[in-house]
């Protein structure tokens, strides 16, 4: 077990892995919920569709490359 300090909030937590960029479960959950939030009034800079991931400039399809074939 490793005793780590969260890079976001500074709280200590335990992990089975020696993480290079430690983040506690509470901050990780906040980050996940922000990535689930869509800003419907903004347009994607790649495809122009409305609805981008919070804090980003891309829609889900462009950000995660869904539906794009090489």
N, C-alpha and C. Protein backbone atom coordinates (compact mmCIF):
# COMPACT_ATOMS: atom_id res chain seq x y z
N UNK A 1 0.84 -1.19 0.00
CA UNK A 1 0.00 0.00 0.00
C UNK A 1 0.89 1.25 0.00
N UNK A 2 0.39 2.26 -0.70
CA UNK A 2 1.11 3.52 -0.77
C UNK A 2 0.25 4.61 -0.13
N UNK A 3 0.88 5.46 0.63
CA UNK A 3 0.23 6.61 1.22
C UNK A 3 0.51 7.80 0.30
N UNK A 4 -0.54 8.35 -0.30
CA UNK A 4 -0.38 9.42 -1.29
C UNK A 4 -1.15 10.66 -0.87
N UNK A 5 -0.82 11.78 -1.49
CA UNK A 5 -1.52 13.04 -1.26
C UNK A 5 -2.12 13.48 -2.58
N UNK A 6 -3.42 13.80 -2.56
CA UNK A 6 -4.15 14.20 -3.76
C UNK A 6 -3.58 15.50 -4.33
N UNK A 7 -3.35 15.51 -5.64
CA UNK A 7 -2.85 16.72 -6.31
C UNK A 7 -3.90 17.82 -6.38
N UNK A 8 -5.19 17.46 -6.26
CA UNK A 8 -6.27 18.44 -6.37
C UNK A 8 -6.60 19.11 -5.05
N UNK A 9 -6.89 18.31 -4.02
CA UNK A 9 -7.36 18.88 -2.76
C UNK A 9 -6.34 18.79 -1.63
N UNK A 10 -5.29 17.99 -1.80
CA UNK A 10 -4.25 17.89 -0.79
C UNK A 10 -4.52 16.86 0.29
N UNK A 11 -5.67 16.17 0.25
CA UNK A 11 -6.01 15.16 1.25
C UNK A 11 -5.17 13.90 1.02
N UNK A 12 -4.85 13.22 2.11
CA UNK A 12 -4.12 11.97 2.00
C UNK A 12 -5.06 10.81 1.74
N UNK A 13 -4.58 9.79 1.03
CA UNK A 13 -5.36 8.58 0.77
C UNK A 13 -4.42 7.42 0.49
N UNK A 14 -4.95 6.22 0.58
CA UNK A 14 -4.17 5.02 0.35
C UNK A 14 -4.47 4.45 -1.03
N UNK A 15 -3.45 3.88 -1.66
CA UNK A 15 -3.63 3.27 -2.96
C UNK A 15 -2.77 2.02 -3.06
N UNK A 16 -3.22 1.06 -3.83
CA UNK A 16 -2.43 -0.14 -4.08
C UNK A 16 -1.33 0.14 -5.09
N UNK A 17 -1.40 1.27 -5.77
CA UNK A 17 -0.43 1.61 -6.82
C UNK A 17 0.29 2.90 -6.46
N UNK A 18 1.53 3.01 -6.86
CA UNK A 18 2.29 4.24 -6.68
C UNK A 18 1.99 5.15 -7.86
N UNK A 19 0.94 5.94 -7.74
CA UNK A 19 0.45 6.77 -8.84
C UNK A 19 1.38 7.95 -9.12
N UNK A 20 1.61 8.23 -10.39
CA UNK A 20 2.45 9.35 -10.78
C UNK A 20 1.75 10.69 -10.53
N UNK A 21 0.44 10.72 -10.79
CA UNK A 21 -0.37 11.92 -10.56
C UNK A 21 -1.53 11.52 -9.66
N UNK A 22 -1.31 11.44 -8.35
CA UNK A 22 -2.36 10.95 -7.45
C UNK A 22 -3.57 11.88 -7.37
N UNK A 23 -4.75 11.26 -7.39
CA UNK A 23 -6.00 11.99 -7.22
C UNK A 23 -6.92 11.10 -6.38
N UNK A 24 -7.50 11.67 -5.34
CA UNK A 24 -8.35 10.89 -4.44
C UNK A 24 -9.69 10.57 -5.11
N UNK A 25 -10.43 9.66 -4.54
CA UNK A 25 -11.71 9.24 -5.10
C UNK A 25 -12.72 10.36 -5.21
N UNK A 26 -12.74 11.24 -4.22
CA UNK A 26 -13.71 12.35 -4.23
C UNK A 26 -13.42 13.31 -5.40
N UNK A 27 -12.16 13.67 -5.59
CA UNK A 27 -11.80 14.57 -6.69
C UNK A 27 -11.96 13.88 -8.04
N UNK A 28 -11.69 12.58 -8.09
CA UNK A 28 -11.88 11.83 -9.32
C UNK A 28 -13.35 11.82 -9.71
N UNK A 29 -14.23 11.66 -8.74
CA UNK A 29 -15.66 11.67 -9.01
C UNK A 29 -16.12 13.03 -9.51
N UNK A 30 -15.57 14.11 -8.95
CA UNK A 30 -15.90 15.46 -9.43
C UNK A 30 -15.47 15.62 -10.87
N UNK A 31 -14.27 15.16 -11.20
CA UNK A 31 -13.76 15.28 -12.57
C UNK A 31 -14.62 14.48 -13.54
N UNK A 32 -15.04 13.28 -13.14
CA UNK A 32 -15.90 12.47 -13.99
C UNK A 32 -17.23 13.14 -14.23
N UNK A 33 -17.82 13.74 -13.19
CA UNK A 33 -19.12 14.37 -13.36
C UNK A 33 -19.02 15.60 -14.24
N UNK A 34 -17.89 16.32 -14.21
CA UNK A 34 -17.72 17.47 -15.10
C UNK A 34 -17.62 17.02 -16.55
N UNK A 35 -16.93 15.88 -16.80
CA UNK A 35 -16.84 15.35 -18.16
C UNK A 35 -18.18 14.83 -18.66
N UNK A 36 -19.12 14.57 -17.76
CA UNK A 36 -20.46 14.12 -18.15
C UNK A 36 -21.38 15.29 -18.42
N UNK A 37 -20.96 16.49 -18.08
CA UNK A 37 -21.78 17.68 -18.24
C UNK A 37 -21.60 18.25 -19.64
N UNK A 38 -22.70 18.57 -20.28
CA UNK A 38 -22.66 19.11 -21.64
C UNK A 38 -23.12 20.56 -21.61
N UNK A 39 -22.35 21.42 -22.27
CA UNK A 39 -22.74 22.81 -22.45
C UNK A 39 -23.47 22.90 -23.79
N UNK A 40 -24.80 22.96 -23.74
CA UNK A 40 -25.61 22.87 -24.95
C UNK A 40 -25.55 24.12 -25.82
N UNK A 41 -25.18 25.27 -25.26
CA UNK A 41 -25.17 26.50 -26.04
C UNK A 41 -23.90 26.68 -26.87
N UNK A 42 -22.86 25.88 -26.59
CA UNK A 42 -21.59 26.00 -27.32
C UNK A 42 -21.56 25.06 -28.51
N UNK A 43 -20.75 25.43 -29.51
CA UNK A 43 -20.59 24.63 -30.73
C UNK A 43 -19.21 23.98 -30.75
N UNK A 44 -19.16 22.75 -31.23
CA UNK A 44 -17.92 22.00 -31.36
C UNK A 44 -17.02 22.67 -32.40
N UNK A 45 -15.74 22.85 -32.08
CA UNK A 45 -14.82 23.49 -33.02
C UNK A 45 -14.43 22.57 -34.17
N UNK A 46 -14.67 21.28 -34.02
CA UNK A 46 -14.32 20.32 -35.06
C UNK A 46 -15.44 20.10 -36.07
N UNK A 47 -16.63 19.77 -35.58
CA UNK A 47 -17.74 19.44 -36.49
C UNK A 47 -18.83 20.50 -36.53
N UNK A 48 -18.87 21.41 -35.55
CA UNK A 48 -19.86 22.47 -35.53
C UNK A 48 -21.17 22.13 -34.85
N UNK A 49 -21.34 20.89 -34.40
CA UNK A 49 -22.58 20.51 -33.70
C UNK A 49 -22.67 21.22 -32.36
N UNK A 50 -23.89 21.43 -31.87
CA UNK A 50 -24.05 22.05 -30.56
C UNK A 50 -23.88 21.01 -29.47
N UNK A 51 -23.45 21.46 -28.30
CA UNK A 51 -23.28 20.58 -27.15
C UNK A 51 -21.86 20.08 -27.03
N UNK A 52 -21.07 20.75 -26.22
CA UNK A 52 -19.68 20.33 -26.00
C UNK A 52 -19.49 19.89 -24.55
N UNK A 53 -18.47 19.10 -24.30
CA UNK A 53 -18.14 18.66 -22.96
C UNK A 53 -17.73 19.88 -22.15
N UNK A 54 -18.19 19.94 -20.90
CA UNK A 54 -17.90 21.08 -20.02
C UNK A 54 -16.40 21.34 -19.97
N UNK A 55 -16.00 22.58 -20.22
CA UNK A 55 -14.61 22.98 -20.15
C UNK A 55 -13.79 22.60 -21.37
N UNK A 56 -14.41 21.99 -22.37
CA UNK A 56 -13.72 21.59 -23.59
C UNK A 56 -14.35 22.33 -24.77
N UNK A 57 -13.76 22.17 -25.94
CA UNK A 57 -14.30 22.80 -27.14
C UNK A 57 -14.84 21.78 -28.14
N UNK A 58 -14.97 20.52 -27.71
CA UNK A 58 -15.39 19.45 -28.61
C UNK A 58 -16.61 18.71 -28.07
N UNK A 59 -17.43 18.21 -28.99
CA UNK A 59 -18.55 17.35 -28.61
C UNK A 59 -17.98 15.97 -28.27
N UNK A 60 -18.83 15.09 -27.70
CA UNK A 60 -18.37 13.75 -27.33
C UNK A 60 -17.82 12.98 -28.53
N UNK A 61 -18.50 13.04 -29.65
CA UNK A 61 -18.08 12.28 -30.83
C UNK A 61 -16.69 12.67 -31.29
N UNK A 62 -16.42 13.96 -31.34
CA UNK A 62 -15.11 14.42 -31.80
C UNK A 62 -14.04 14.22 -30.72
N UNK A 63 -14.39 14.46 -29.47
CA UNK A 63 -13.41 14.34 -28.38
C UNK A 63 -12.92 12.90 -28.21
N UNK A 64 -13.85 11.95 -28.31
CA UNK A 64 -13.49 10.54 -28.14
C UNK A 64 -13.35 9.79 -29.46
N UNK A 65 -13.41 10.50 -30.58
CA UNK A 65 -13.28 9.92 -31.93
C UNK A 65 -14.29 8.81 -32.20
N UNK A 66 -15.53 8.97 -31.73
CA UNK A 66 -16.58 7.98 -32.00
C UNK A 66 -17.00 8.10 -33.45
N UNK A 67 -17.15 6.99 -34.10
CA UNK A 67 -17.70 6.96 -35.45
C UNK A 67 -16.74 7.37 -36.55
N UNK A 68 -15.49 7.62 -36.22
CA UNK A 68 -14.53 8.01 -37.25
C UNK A 68 -13.71 6.80 -37.64
N UNK A 69 -13.72 6.48 -38.92
CA UNK A 69 -12.98 5.32 -39.43
C UNK A 69 -11.70 5.80 -40.09
N UNK A 70 -10.66 4.98 -39.94
CA UNK A 70 -9.36 5.34 -40.54
C UNK A 70 -9.13 4.54 -41.79
